Amino acid sequence: MVDAICKEIELQKDFLKENKIDSIYFGGGTPSVLEKNELKKIFASFEKYFTWDKNAEITFECNPDDLTKEKLEELKALGVNRLSIGLQSFDDTELKWMNRLHTAAESLACVKLAQEIGFKNISIDLIYGSKFQTVESWKKTLEKALSLNVQHISSYNLTVEEKTELGQAVAKGKELAVDDEKSSQQFIVLMDTLSKNGFEHYEISNFAQKGFEAVHNTNYWKGAKYLGIGPSAHSFNGAARQWNISNNAIYVNAINSNTDFFETETLSKLNRYNEYVLTRLRTKWGCDINYIKTEFGNIFAEHFTETSEAFIPNDLQKENSNYSLTKMGKLMADKIAMELFM
């Protein structure tokens, strides 16, 4: 797999043209299973075929049970300067229910260890909306998260996917479906608590201290070009999207036999408009009507302006040419975006 990834890096060396990279993100799975020599090999391939800013954000996605002192020191030595740690919860019963291998104690310990080793940009993931969470227990979870003094918090409402074990249990009546009203209350608590503690709500699920917004995700939300390497990885060049084969063995086979390992879709103006609305509306930057008019044309701009009127001022706010979600609008971001689609 590592050899195939390195070969794909070479094959895709011209995808971003002359653009200097300002973000590298190891994620989309559990990259922490890679050994030091494997990671060094991948970094060496990047260095051979791409250039990046000396201050580039290099994020590594990991689980608490993977972060030993040795692993953290290896990552630091390789140049990783941002960690995204999937804590999810501080409740051992809830973690076990989520099939997480780590404990709440390991969650707290790994963050402190990373800080001791010198990581100054740490993001943690938290999930709300499970059957274990009440408004009061969620407040305590956030208090504990804030006590860790991390720079970034990503928090997601529990989603029940049909084909998962939880999805099947809900379908059979063995588990309760997510309570939307309870989740909404917890989301409001999340926004209020983090705002009072110096975190900016810069995207629906993401909160950052000043200067610590995720460069990688922000680029995606702003429609920048990006290259994804490895099975299931997606890439975007401004006009077309491509996605790699998801099956590991078939991906490696295709790379080694020099056959097609990805599919491509050229986006229509309609597709690009809808994606702009969907991604930008979720952020603090919102949608700019002048950009819509210039990029997509008057028909799209008129549709956006007319449709948005129904949501102003309760769910949408307008400042000059910019439209963004209000606090209450963030509770129904996807619904509003769908209404603004063409």
C-alpha atoms as a PDB file:
ATOM      1  CA  MET A   1       0.000   0.000   0.000  1.00  0.00           C
ATOM      2  CA  VAL A   2       2.768   2.457   0.909  1.00  0.00           C
ATOM      3  CA  ASP A   3       4.575   1.742  -2.371  1.00  0.00           C
ATOM      4  CA  ALA A   4       1.335   2.310  -4.295  1.00  0.00           C
ATOM      5  CA  ILE A   5       0.731   5.602  -2.479  1.00  0.00           C
ATOM      6  CA  CYS A   6       4.248   6.763  -3.297  1.00  0.00           C
ATOM      7  CA  LYS A   7       3.776   5.798  -6.943  1.00  0.00           C
ATOM      8  CA  GLU A   8       0.482   7.731  -7.071  1.00  0.00           C
ATOM      9  CA  ILE A   9       2.260  10.789  -5.663  1.00  0.00           C
ATOM     10  CA  GLU A  10       4.618  10.587  -8.647  1.00  0.00           C
ATOM     11  CA  LEU A  11       1.755  10.020 -11.115  1.00  0.00           C
ATOM     12  CA  GLN A  12      -0.147  13.037  -9.759  1.00  0.00           C
ATOM     13  CA  LYS A  13       2.825  15.383  -9.505  1.00  0.00           C
ATOM     14  CA  ASP A  14       1.365  17.797 -12.080  1.00  0.00           C
ATOM     15  CA  PHE A  15      -2.215  17.812 -10.762  1.00  0.00           C
ATOM     16  CA  LEU A  16      -1.811  21.039  -8.771  1.00  0.00           C
ATOM     17  CA  LYS A  17       0.355  22.657 -11.482  1.00  0.00           C
ATOM     18  CA  GLU A  18       2.728  25.186  -9.928  1.00  0.00           C
ATOM     19  CA  ASN A  19       0.677  25.746  -6.801  1.00  0.00           C
ATOM     20  CA  LYS A  20       2.751  25.627  -3.627  1.00  0.00           C
ATOM     21  CA  ILE A  21       1.132  23.360  -1.046  1.00  0.00           C
ATOM     22  CA  ASP A  22       0.057  25.008   2.210  1.00  0.00           C
ATOM     23  CA  SER A  23      -1.570  21.951   3.782  1.00  0.00           C
ATOM     24  CA  ILE A  24      -0.963  18.205   4.013  1.00  0.00           C
ATOM     25  CA  TYR A  25      -3.519  16.034   5.799  1.00  0.00           C
ATOM     26  CA  PHE A  26      -3.013  12.402   6.801  1.00  0.00           C
ATOM     27  CA  GLY A  27      -6.476  11.051   7.440  1.00  0.00           C
ATOM     28  CA  GLY A  28      -9.517   9.370   6.038  1.00  0.00           C
ATOM     29  CA  GLY A  29      -8.830   6.290   8.167  1.00  0.00           C
ATOM     30  CA  THR A  30      -6.190   5.503  10.741  1.00  0.00           C
ATOM     31  CA  PRO A  31      -2.813   6.631   9.365  1.00  0.00           C
ATOM     32  CA  SER A  32      -1.268   6.104  12.798  1.00  0.00           C
ATOM     33  CA  VAL A  33      -0.983   2.370  11.988  1.00  0.00           C
ATOM     34  CA  LEU A  34       1.894   3.307   9.655  1.00  0.00           C
ATOM     35  CA  GLU A  35       5.398   2.684  10.966  1.00  0.00           C
ATOM     36  CA  LYS A  36       8.047   5.397  11.098  1.00  0.00           C
ATOM     37  CA  ASN A  37       9.920   4.103   8.015  1.00  0.00           C
ATOM     38  CA  GLU A  38       6.653   3.954   6.034  1.00  0.00           C
ATOM     39  CA  LEU A  39       5.762   7.528   6.914  1.00  0.00           C
ATOM     40  CA  LYS A  40       9.306   8.658   6.059  1.00  0.00           C
ATOM     41  CA  LYS A  41       8.957   7.027   2.652  1.00  0.00           C
ATOM     42  CA  ILE A  42       5.693   8.902   1.967  1.00  0.00           C
ATOM     43  CA  PHE A  43       7.196  12.210   3.109  1.00  0.00           C
ATOM     44  CA  ALA A  44      10.227  11.598   0.897  1.00  0.00           C
ATOM     45  CA  SER A  45       7.930  11.146  -2.109  1.00  0.00           C
ATOM     46  CA  PHE A  46       6.133  14.408  -1.317  1.00  0.00           C
ATOM     47  CA  GLU A  47       9.443  16.243  -1.030  1.00  0.00           C
ATOM     48  CA  LYS A  48      10.625  14.816  -4.341  1.00  0.00           C
ATOM     49  CA  TYR A  49       7.598  15.828  -6.408  1.00  0.00           C
ATOM     50  CA  PHE A  50       5.988  18.775  -4.584  1.00  0.00           C
ATOM     51  CA  THR A  51       7.040  21.987  -2.880  1.00  0.00           C
ATOM     52  CA  TRP A  52       5.301  23.417   0.128  1.00  0.00           C
ATOM     53  CA  ASP A  53       5.516  26.485   2.284  1.00  0.00           C
ATOM     54  CA  LYS A  54       7.818  26.133   5.292  1.00  0.00           C
ATOM     55  CA  ASN A  55       4.845  27.092   7.470  1.00  0.00           C
ATOM     56  CA  ALA A  56       2.511  24.576   5.829  1.00  0.00           C
ATOM     57  CA  GLU A  57      -0.026  22.939   8.105  1.00  0.00           C
ATOM     58  CA  ILE A  58       0.728  19.202   8.341  1.00  0.00           C
ATOM     59  CA  THR A  59      -2.100  17.415  10.142  1.00  0.00           C
ATOM     60  CA  PHE A  60      -2.132  13.847  11.358  1.00  0.00           C
ATOM     61  CA  GLU A  61      -5.426  12.149  12.226  1.00  0.00           C
ATOM     62  CA  CYS A  62      -5.125   9.682  15.101  1.00  0.00           C
ATOM     63  CA  ASN A  63      -6.851   7.844  17.925  1.00  0.00           C
ATOM     64  CA  PRO A  64      -5.839   8.235  21.586  1.00  0.00           C
ATOM     65  CA  ASP A  65      -4.770   4.599  21.916  1.00  0.00           C
ATOM     66  CA  ASP A  66      -2.223   5.082  19.093  1.00  0.00           C
ATOM     67  CA  LEU A  67      -0.432   8.034  20.644  1.00  0.00           C
ATOM     68  CA  THR A  68       2.469   6.647  22.590  1.00  0.00           C
ATOM     69  CA  LYS A  69       5.407   8.882  23.517  1.00  0.00           C
ATOM     70  CA  GLU A  70       7.455   7.177  20.801  1.00  0.00           C
ATOM     71  CA  LYS A  71       4.781   7.716  18.112  1.00  0.00           C
ATOM     72  CA  LEU A  72       4.356  11.375  19.026  1.00  0.00           C
ATOM     73  CA  GLU A  73       8.111  11.983  18.903  1.00  0.00           C
ATOM     74  CA  GLU A  74       8.275  10.281  15.501  1.00  0.00           C
ATOM     75  CA  LEU A  75       5.493  12.485  14.128  1.00  0.00           C
ATOM     76  CA  LYS A  76       7.138  15.628  15.508  1.00  0.00           C
ATOM     77  CA  ALA A  77      10.467  14.673  13.937  1.00  0.00           C
ATOM     78  CA  LEU A  78       8.782  14.089  10.561  1.00  0.00           C
ATOM     79  CA  GLY A  79       7.389  17.624  10.565  1.00  0.00           C
ATOM     80  CA  VAL A  80       3.795  16.986  11.644  1.00  0.00           C
ATOM     81  CA  ASN A  81       2.676  20.195  13.394  1.00  0.00           C
ATOM     82  CA  ARG A  82      -1.040  19.588  13.935  1.00  0.00           C
ATOM     83  CA  LEU A  83      -2.850  16.646  15.504  1.00  0.00           C
ATOM     84  CA  SER A  84      -6.510  15.768  15.005  1.00  0.00           C
ATOM     85  CA  ILE A  85      -7.416  13.352  17.797  1.00  0.00           C
ATOM     86  CA  GLY A  86     -10.671  11.378  17.749  1.00  0.00           C
ATOM     87  CA  LEU A  87     -11.584  11.520  21.432  1.00  0.00           C
ATOM     88  CA  GLN A  88     -15.372  11.424  20.760  1.00  0.00           C
ATOM     89  CA  SER A  89     -16.370  11.149  24.435  1.00  0.00           C
ATOM     90  CA  PHE A  90     -15.088  11.185  28.025  1.00  0.00           C
ATOM     91  CA  ASP A  91     -17.506   8.465  29.112  1.00  0.00           C
ATOM     92  CA  ASP A  92     -16.170   4.888  29.060  1.00  0.00           C
ATOM     93  CA  THR A  93     -19.624   3.343  28.624  1.00  0.00           C
ATOM     94  CA  GLU A  94     -20.337   5.583  25.652  1.00  0.00           C
ATOM     95  CA  LEU A  95     -16.910   4.892  24.124  1.00  0.00           C
ATOM     96  CA  LYS A  96     -17.493   1.151  24.382  1.00  0.00           C
ATOM     97  CA  TRP A  97     -20.923   1.579  22.755  1.00  0.00           C
ATOM     98  CA  MET A  98     -19.197   3.458  19.896  1.00  0.00           C
ATOM     99  CA  ASN A  99     -16.735   0.545  19.510  1.00  0.00           C
ATOM    100  CA  ARG A 100     -13.813   2.794  20.387  1.00  0.00           C
ATOM    101  CA  LEU A 101     -10.736   1.042  21.703  1.00  0.00           C
ATOM    102  CA  HIS A 102      -9.527   3.843  23.971  1.00  0.00           C
ATOM    103  CA  THR A 103     -10.710   4.863  27.430  1.00  0.00           C
ATOM    104  CA  ALA A 104     -11.582   8.304  28.760  1.00  0.00           C
ATOM    105  CA  ALA A 105      -8.371   8.272  30.814  1.00  0.00           C
ATOM    106  CA  GLU A 106      -6.328   7.606  27.656  1.00  0.00           C
ATOM    107  CA  SER A 107      -8.064  10.540  25.962  1.00  0.00           C
ATOM    108  CA  LEU A 108      -6.944  12.949  28.647  1.00  0.00           C
ATOM    109  CA  ALA A 109      -3.462  11.459  28.917  1.00  0.00           C
ATOM    110  CA  CYS A 110      -2.654  11.501  25.192  1.00  0.00           C
ATOM    111  CA  VAL A 111      -3.513  15.196  24.796  1.00  0.00           C
ATOM    112  CA  LYS A 112      -1.329  16.137  27.766  1.00  0.00           C
ATOM    113  CA  LEU A 113       1.492  13.957  26.447  1.00  0.00           C
ATOM    114  CA  ALA A 114       1.291  15.582  23.001  1.00  0.00           C
ATOM    115  CA  GLN A 115       1.477  19.014  24.634  1.00  0.00           C
ATOM    116  CA  GLU A 116       4.499  17.985  26.711  1.00  0.00           C
ATOM    117  CA  ILE A 117       6.280  16.796  23.561  1.00  0.00           C
ATOM    118  CA  GLY A 118       5.700  20.188  21.963  1.00  0.00           C
ATOM    119  CA  PHE A 119       2.554  20.048  19.811  1.00  0.00           C
ATOM    120  CA  LYS A 120       0.991  23.498  19.931  1.00  0.00           C
ATOM    121  CA  ASN A 121      -1.855  22.951  17.471  1.00  0.00           C
ATOM    122  CA  ILE A 122      -4.211  20.191  18.601  1.00  0.00           C
ATOM    123  CA  SER A 123      -7.776  19.508  17.482  1.00  0.00           C
ATOM    124  CA  ILE A 124     -10.107  17.082  19.228  1.00  0.00           C
ATOM    125  CA  ASP A 125     -13.323  15.474  17.953  1.00  0.00           C
ATOM    126  CA  LEU A 126     -16.440  15.185  20.103  1.00  0.00           C
ATOM    127  CA  ILE A 127     -19.819  13.610  19.346  1.00  0.00           C
ATOM    128  CA  TYR A 128     -23.154  14.743  20.783  1.00  0.00           C
ATOM    129  CA  GLY A 129     -26.684  13.415  20.385  1.00  0.00           C
ATOM    130  CA  SER A 130     -26.127   9.856  21.590  1.00  0.00           C
ATOM    131  CA  LYS A 131     -28.516   8.142  23.988  1.00  0.00           C
ATOM    132  CA  PHE A 132     -25.938   8.667  26.751  1.00  0.00           C
ATOM    133  CA  GLN A 133     -25.882  12.448  26.463  1.00  0.00           C
ATOM    134  CA  THR A 134     -28.141  14.827  28.363  1.00  0.00           C
ATOM    135  CA  VAL A 135     -27.787  18.603  28.249  1.00  0.00           C
ATOM    136  CA  GLU A 136     -26.134  18.498  31.670  1.00  0.00           C
ATOM    137  CA  SER A 137     -23.706  15.686  30.835  1.00  0.00           C
ATOM    138  CA  TRP A 138     -22.862  17.463  27.563  1.00  0.00           C
ATOM    139  CA  LYS A 139     -21.992  20.619  29.515  1.00  0.00           C
ATOM    140  CA  LYS A 140     -19.616  18.560  31.664  1.00  0.00           C
ATOM    141  CA  THR A 141     -18.072  17.025  28.532  1.00  0.00           C
ATOM    142  CA  LEU A 142     -17.384  20.495  27.164  1.00  0.00           C
ATOM    143  CA  GLU A 143     -15.916  21.643  30.488  1.00  0.00           C
ATOM    144  CA  LYS A 144     -13.506  18.709  30.384  1.00  0.00           C
ATOM    145  CA  ALA A 145     -12.627  19.435  26.752  1.00  0.00           C
ATOM    146  CA  LEU A 146     -11.897  23.082  27.578  1.00  0.00           C
ATOM    147  CA  SER A 147      -9.702  22.041  30.511  1.00  0.00           C
ATOM    148  CA  LEU A 148      -7.358  20.376  27.994  1.00  0.00           C
ATOM    149  CA  ASN A 149      -6.457  23.802  26.518  1.00  0.00           C
ATOM    150  CA  VAL A 150      -6.563  22.602  22.919  1.00  0.00           C
ATOM    151  CA  GLN A 151      -6.693  25.066  20.022  1.00  0.00           C
ATOM    152  CA  HIS A 152      -9.470  23.488  17.948  1.00  0.00           C
ATOM    153  CA  ILE A 153     -12.623  21.462  18.579  1.00  0.00           C
ATOM    154  CA  SER A 154     -14.657  19.627  15.944  1.00  0.00           C
ATOM    155  CA  SER A 155     -18.017  18.430  17.194  1.00  0.00           C
ATOM    156  CA  TYR A 156     -20.513  16.342  15.256  1.00  0.00           C
ATOM    157  CA  ASN A 157     -24.085  15.250  15.820  1.00  0.00           C
ATOM    158  CA  LEU A 158     -24.342  11.458  15.959  1.00  0.00           C
ATOM    159  CA  THR A 159     -25.406  10.177  12.543  1.00  0.00           C
ATOM    160  CA  VAL A 160     -27.032   6.776  12.116  1.00  0.00           C
ATOM    161  CA  GLU A 161     -25.937   5.163   8.847  1.00  0.00           C
ATOM    162  CA  GLU A 162     -28.178   2.409   7.432  1.00  0.00           C
ATOM    163  CA  LYS A 163     -25.503  -0.220   6.819  1.00  0.00           C
ATOM    164  CA  THR A 164     -23.753   0.146  10.172  1.00  0.00           C
ATOM    165  CA  GLU A 165     -24.356  -2.020  13.233  1.00  0.00           C
ATOM    166  CA  LEU A 166     -26.091   0.931  14.930  1.00  0.00           C
ATOM    167  CA  GLY A 167     -28.241   1.589  11.860  1.00  0.00           C
ATOM    168  CA  GLN A 168     -29.424  -2.003  11.797  1.00  0.00           C
ATOM    169  CA  ALA A 169     -30.143  -1.943  15.547  1.00  0.00           C
ATOM    170  CA  VAL A 170     -32.242   1.217  15.164  1.00  0.00           C
ATOM    171  CA  ALA A 171     -34.126  -0.339  12.236  1.00  0.00           C
ATOM    172  CA  LYS A 172     -34.948  -3.383  14.388  1.00  0.00           C
ATOM    173  CA  GLY A 173     -36.033  -1.250  17.334  1.00  0.00           C
ATOM    174  CA  LYS A 174     -33.129  -2.398  19.511  1.00  0.00           C
ATOM    175  CA  GLU A 175     -31.680   1.123  19.682  1.00  0.00           C
ATOM    176  CA  LEU A 176     -33.360   4.511  19.801  1.00  0.00           C
ATOM    177  CA  ALA A 177     -33.122   6.851  16.822  1.00  0.00           C
ATOM    178  CA  VAL A 178     -31.305  10.149  17.384  1.00  0.00           C
ATOM    179  CA  ASP A 179     -33.556  12.657  19.172  1.00  0.00           C
ATOM    180  CA  ASP A 180     -33.391  15.766  16.967  1.00  0.00           C
ATOM    181  CA  GLU A 181     -34.795  18.062  19.649  1.00  0.00           C
ATOM    182  CA  LYS A 182     -32.201  16.917  22.193  1.00  0.00           C
ATOM    183  CA  SER A 183     -29.425  17.234  19.609  1.00  0.00           C
ATOM    184  CA  SER A 184     -30.528  20.801  18.809  1.00  0.00           C
ATOM    185  CA  GLN A 185     -30.390  21.740  22.493  1.00  0.00           C
ATOM    186  CA  GLN A 186     -26.914  20.276  22.798  1.00  0.00           C
ATOM    187  CA  PHE A 187     -25.774  22.097  19.653  1.00  0.00           C
ATOM    188  CA  ILE A 188     -26.921  25.416  21.143  1.00  0.00           C
ATOM    189  CA  VAL A 189     -25.035  24.601  24.369  1.00  0.00           C
ATOM    190  CA  LEU A 190     -21.987  23.782  22.232  1.00  0.00           C
ATOM    191  CA  MET A 191     -22.127  27.130  20.404  1.00  0.00           C
ATOM    192  CA  ASP A 192     -22.707  29.168  23.564  1.00  0.00           C
ATOM    193  CA  THR A 193     -20.081  27.406  25.686  1.00  0.00           C
ATOM    194  CA  LEU A 194     -17.257  27.527  23.156  1.00  0.00           C
ATOM    195  CA  SER A 195     -18.038  31.110  22.168  1.00  0.00           C
ATOM    196  CA  LYS A 196     -17.791  32.217  25.808  1.00  0.00           C
ATOM    197  CA  ASN A 197     -14.407  30.518  26.029  1.00  0.00           C
ATOM    198  CA  GLY A 198     -12.690  32.222  23.100  1.00  0.00           C
ATOM    199  CA  PHE A 199     -13.517  29.809  20.287  1.00  0.00           C
ATOM    200  CA  GLU A 200     -14.831  31.143  16.986  1.00  0.00           C
ATOM    201  CA  HIS A 201     -17.556  29.122  15.286  1.00  0.00           C
ATOM    202  CA  TYR A 202     -16.078  29.282  11.796  1.00  0.00           C
ATOM    203  CA  GLU A 203     -17.899  26.270  10.284  1.00  0.00           C
ATOM    204  CA  ILE A 204     -20.984  24.371  11.419  1.00  0.00           C
ATOM    205  CA  SER A 205     -19.002  21.598  13.141  1.00  0.00           C
ATOM    206  CA  ASN A 206     -15.738  23.439  13.791  1.00  0.00           C
ATOM    207  CA  PHE A 207     -14.539  25.861  16.439  1.00  0.00           C
ATOM    208  CA  ALA A 208     -11.094  27.408  16.722  1.00  0.00           C
ATOM    209  CA  GLN A 209      -9.125  29.787  18.865  1.00  0.00           C
ATOM    210  CA  LYS A 210      -7.943  32.838  16.939  1.00  0.00           C
ATOM    211  CA  GLY A 211      -5.452  31.878  14.251  1.00  0.00           C
ATOM    212  CA  PHE A 212      -6.071  28.136  14.531  1.00  0.00           C
ATOM    213  CA  GLU A 213      -8.718  27.528  11.872  1.00  0.00           C
ATOM    214  CA  ALA A 214      -7.834  24.344   9.966  1.00  0.00           C
ATOM    215  CA  VAL A 215      -6.061  25.437   6.781  1.00  0.00           C
ATOM    216  CA  HIS A 216      -6.844  22.136   5.057  1.00  0.00           C
ATOM    217  CA  ASN A 217     -10.601  22.189   5.665  1.00  0.00           C
ATOM    218  CA  THR A 218     -10.863  25.933   5.076  1.00  0.00           C
ATOM    219  CA  ASN A 219      -9.306  25.490   1.629  1.00  0.00           C
ATOM    220  CA  TYR A 220     -11.924  22.853   0.838  1.00  0.00           C
ATOM    221  CA  TRP A 221     -14.819  25.037   2.009  1.00  0.00           C
ATOM    222  CA  LYS A 222     -13.492  27.959  -0.021  1.00  0.00           C
ATOM    223  CA  GLY A 223     -13.311  25.887  -3.213  1.00  0.00           C
ATOM    224  CA  ALA A 224      -9.526  25.683  -3.512  1.00  0.00           C
ATOM    225  CA  LYS A 225      -7.861  22.952  -5.572  1.00  0.00           C
ATOM    226  CA  TYR A 226      -6.785  19.875  -3.667  1.00  0.00           C
ATOM    227  CA  LEU A 227      -5.223  16.504  -4.357  1.00  0.00           C
ATOM    228  CA  GLY A 228      -6.163  13.303  -2.538  1.00  0.00           C
ATOM    229  CA  ILE A 229      -3.824  10.297  -2.511  1.00  0.00           C
ATOM    230  CA  GLY A 230      -4.750   6.680  -1.691  1.00  0.00           C
ATOM    231  CA  PRO A 231      -7.894   4.492  -1.786  1.00  0.00           C
ATOM    232  CA  SER A 232     -11.180   6.471  -1.794  1.00  0.00           C
ATOM    233  CA  ALA A 233      -9.304   9.788  -1.947  1.00  0.00           C
ATOM    234  CA  HIS A 234     -11.017  12.672  -3.761  1.00  0.00           C
ATOM    235  CA  SER A 235      -9.365  15.477  -5.719  1.00  0.00           C
ATOM    236  CA  PHE A 236     -10.590  18.753  -7.231  1.00  0.00           C
ATOM    237  CA  ASN A 237      -8.912  20.974  -9.814  1.00  0.00           C
ATOM    238  CA  GLY A 238     -11.445  23.809  -9.902  1.00  0.00           C
ATOM    239  CA  ALA A 239     -13.557  22.379 -12.717  1.00  0.00           C
ATOM    240  CA  ALA A 240     -13.564  18.603 -12.282  1.00  0.00           C
ATOM    241  CA  ARG A 241     -13.653  16.157  -9.415  1.00  0.00           C
ATOM    242  CA  GLN A 242     -12.007  12.761  -9.342  1.00  0.00           C
ATOM    243  CA  TRP A 243     -12.178   9.913  -6.856  1.00  0.00           C
ATOM    244  CA  ASN A 244      -9.934   6.907  -6.413  1.00  0.00           C
ATOM    245  CA  ILE A 245     -10.957   3.252  -6.268  1.00  0.00           C
ATOM    246  CA  SER A 246     -12.110   2.505  -2.714  1.00  0.00           C
ATOM    247  CA  ASN A 247     -11.070  -1.153  -2.497  1.00  0.00           C
ATOM    248  CA  ASN A 248      -7.496  -1.406  -1.187  1.00  0.00           C
ATOM    249  CA  ALA A 249      -6.426  -4.449  -3.177  1.00  0.00           C
ATOM    250  CA  ILE A 250      -7.960  -3.219  -6.443  1.00  0.00           C
ATOM    251  CA  TYR A 251      -6.392   0.227  -5.924  1.00  0.00           C
ATOM    252  CA  VAL A 252      -2.908  -1.270  -5.415  1.00  0.00           C
ATOM    253  CA  ASN A 253      -3.401  -3.545  -8.410  1.00  0.00           C
ATOM    254  CA  ALA A 254      -4.436  -0.672 -10.644  1.00  0.00           C
ATOM    255  CA  ILE A 255      -1.465   1.460  -9.592  1.00  0.00           C
ATOM    256  CA  ASN A 256       0.985  -1.400 -10.161  1.00  0.00           C
ATOM    257  CA  SER A 257      -0.463  -2.343 -13.556  1.00  0.00           C
ATOM    258  CA  ASN A 258      -0.679   1.276 -14.747  1.00  0.00           C
ATOM    259  CA  THR A 259      -4.432   1.076 -15.332  1.00  0.00           C
ATOM    260  CA  ASP A 260      -7.062   3.646 -14.368  1.00  0.00           C
ATOM    261  CA  PHE A 261      -7.344   3.985 -10.604  1.00  0.00           C
ATOM    262  CA  PHE A 262      -9.841   6.860 -10.465  1.00  0.00           C
ATOM    263  CA  GLU A 263     -13.020   8.192 -12.067  1.00  0.00           C
ATOM    264  CA  THR A 264     -13.565  11.795 -13.125  1.00  0.00           C
ATOM    265  CA  GLU A 265     -16.598  14.064 -13.311  1.00  0.00           C
ATOM    266  CA  THR A 266     -16.547  17.499 -14.940  1.00  0.00           C
ATOM    267  CA  LEU A 267     -18.791  19.791 -12.922  1.00  0.00           C
ATOM    268  CA  SER A 268     -21.448  21.834 -14.682  1.00  0.00           C
ATOM    269  CA  LYS A 269     -22.114  25.446 -13.730  1.00  0.00           C
ATOM    270  CA  LEU A 270     -25.202  24.224 -11.856  1.00  0.00           C
ATOM    271  CA  ASN A 271     -23.125  21.672  -9.891  1.00  0.00           C
ATOM    272  CA  ARG A 272     -20.512  24.278  -9.010  1.00  0.00           C
ATOM    273  CA  TYR A 273     -23.147  26.794  -7.874  1.00  0.00           C
ATOM    274  CA  ASN A 274     -24.874  24.236  -5.641  1.00  0.00           C
ATOM    275  CA  GLU A 275     -21.554  23.134  -4.137  1.00  0.00           C
ATOM    276  CA  TYR A 276     -20.582  26.753  -3.508  1.00  0.00           C
ATOM    277  CA  VAL A 277     -23.834  27.352  -1.635  1.00  0.00           C
ATOM    278  CA  LEU A 278     -23.587  24.088   0.315  1.00  0.00           C
ATOM    279  CA  THR A 279     -20.000  24.548   1.481  1.00  0.00           C
ATOM    280  CA  ARG A 280     -19.794  28.327   1.933  1.00  0.00           C
ATOM    281  CA  LEU A 281     -23.089  28.695   3.755  1.00  0.00           C
ATOM    282  CA  ARG A 282     -21.733  26.372   6.466  1.00  0.00           C
ATOM    283  CA  THR A 283     -18.901  28.814   7.194  1.00  0.00           C
ATOM    284  CA  LYS A 284     -18.506  32.198   8.855  1.00  0.00           C
ATOM    285  CA  TRP A 285     -17.601  33.615   5.417  1.00  0.00           C
ATOM    286  CA  GLY A 286     -21.027  32.815   3.971  1.00  0.00           C
ATOM    287  CA  CYS A 287     -22.074  33.373   0.345  1.00  0.00           C
ATOM    288  CA  ASP A 288     -21.178  36.509  -1.595  1.00  0.00           C
ATOM    289  CA  ILE A 289     -23.846  37.585  -4.072  1.00  0.00           C
ATOM    290  CA  ASN A 290     -21.270  39.478  -6.173  1.00  0.00           C
ATOM    291  CA  TYR A 291     -19.190  36.309  -6.498  1.00  0.00           C
ATOM    292  CA  ILE A 292     -22.290  34.339  -7.516  1.00  0.00           C
ATOM    293  CA  LYS A 293     -23.128  36.930 -10.161  1.00  0.00           C
ATOM    294  CA  THR A 294     -19.585  37.018 -11.569  1.00  0.00           C
ATOM    295  CA  GLU A 295     -18.915  33.270 -11.420  1.00  0.00           C
ATOM    296  CA  PHE A 296     -22.332  31.848 -12.314  1.00  0.00           C
ATOM    297  CA  GLY A 297     -24.386  34.664 -13.865  1.00  0.00           C
ATOM    298  CA  ASN A 298     -27.405  36.866 -13.145  1.00  0.00           C
ATOM    299  CA  ILE A 299     -29.966  34.046 -13.201  1.00  0.00           C
ATOM    300  CA  PHE A 300     -28.209  32.282 -10.310  1.00  0.00           C
ATOM    301  CA  ALA A 301     -27.740  35.546  -8.399  1.00  0.00           C
ATOM    302  CA  GLU A 302     -31.406  36.493  -8.785  1.00  0.00           C
ATOM    303  CA  HIS A 303     -32.520  33.035  -7.642  1.00  0.00           C
ATOM    304  CA  PHE A 304     -30.284  33.226  -4.568  1.00  0.00           C
ATOM    305  CA  THR A 305     -31.439  36.743  -3.651  1.00  0.00           C
ATOM    306  CA  GLU A 306     -35.139  35.989  -4.085  1.00  0.00           C
ATOM    307  CA  THR A 307     -35.065  32.637  -2.280  1.00  0.00           C
ATOM    308  CA  SER A 308     -32.992  33.930   0.632  1.00  0.00           C
ATOM    309  CA  GLU A 309     -35.621  36.591   1.481  1.00  0.00           C
ATOM    310  CA  ALA A 310     -37.786  33.953   3.197  1.00  0.00           C
ATOM    311  CA  PHE A 311     -34.953  33.231   5.685  1.00  0.00           C
ATOM    312  CA  ILE A 312     -34.013  36.825   6.578  1.00  0.00           C
ATOM    313  CA  PRO A 313     -33.594  37.858   9.408  1.00  0.00           C
ATOM    314  CA  ASN A 314     -34.254  34.761  11.543  1.00  0.00           C
ATOM    315  CA  ASP A 315     -32.070  32.203   9.779  1.00  0.00           C
ATOM    316  CA  LEU A 316     -29.968  34.289   7.388  1.00  0.00           C
ATOM    317  CA  GLN A 317     -28.303  37.643   7.901  1.00  0.00           C
ATOM    318  CA  LYS A 318     -27.146  39.985   5.139  1.00  0.00           C
ATOM    319  CA  GLU A 319     -24.209  42.342   5.436  1.00  0.00           C
ATOM    320  CA  ASN A 320     -23.430  44.283   2.269  1.00  0.00           C
ATOM    321  CA  SER A 321     -23.143  41.582  -0.433  1.00  0.00           C
ATOM    322  CA  ASN A 322     -22.618  38.719   2.008  1.00  0.00           C
ATOM    323  CA  TYR A 323     -25.202  36.246   3.311  1.00  0.00           C
ATOM    324  CA  SER A 324     -24.438  34.072   6.346  1.00  0.00           C
ATOM    325  CA  LEU A 325     -26.341  31.903   8.815  1.00  0.00           C
ATOM    326  CA  THR A 326     -27.626  33.282  12.084  1.00  0.00           C
ATOM    327  CA  LYS A 327     -27.222  31.280  15.270  1.00  0.00           C
ATOM    328  CA  MET A 328     -30.661  29.709  14.782  1.00  0.00           C
ATOM    329  CA  GLY A 329     -30.023  29.261  11.070  1.00  0.00           C
ATOM    330  CA  LYS A 330     -27.101  26.989  11.897  1.00  0.00           C
ATOM    331  CA  LEU A 331     -29.595  24.481  13.285  1.00  0.00           C
ATOM    332  CA  MET A 332     -30.994  23.980   9.786  1.00  0.00           C
ATOM    333  CA  ALA A 333     -28.031  24.764   7.546  1.00  0.00           C
ATOM    334  CA  ASP A 334     -28.544  21.888   5.101  1.00  0.00           C
ATOM    335  CA  LYS A 335     -32.259  22.614   4.697  1.00  0.00           C
ATOM    336  CA  ILE A 336     -31.585  26.269   3.905  1.00  0.00           C
ATOM    337  CA  ALA A 337     -28.852  25.354   1.435  1.00  0.00           C
ATOM    338  CA  MET A 338     -31.197  22.956  -0.352  1.00  0.00           C
ATOM    339  CA  GLU A 339     -33.774  25.716  -0.700  1.00  0.00           C
ATOM    340  CA  LEU A 340     -31.125  27.969  -2.254  1.00  0.00           C
ATOM    341  CA  PHE A 341     -30.026  25.312  -4.748  1.00  0.00           C
ATOM    342  CA  MET A 342     -30.980  25.709  -8.418  1.00  0.00           C
END
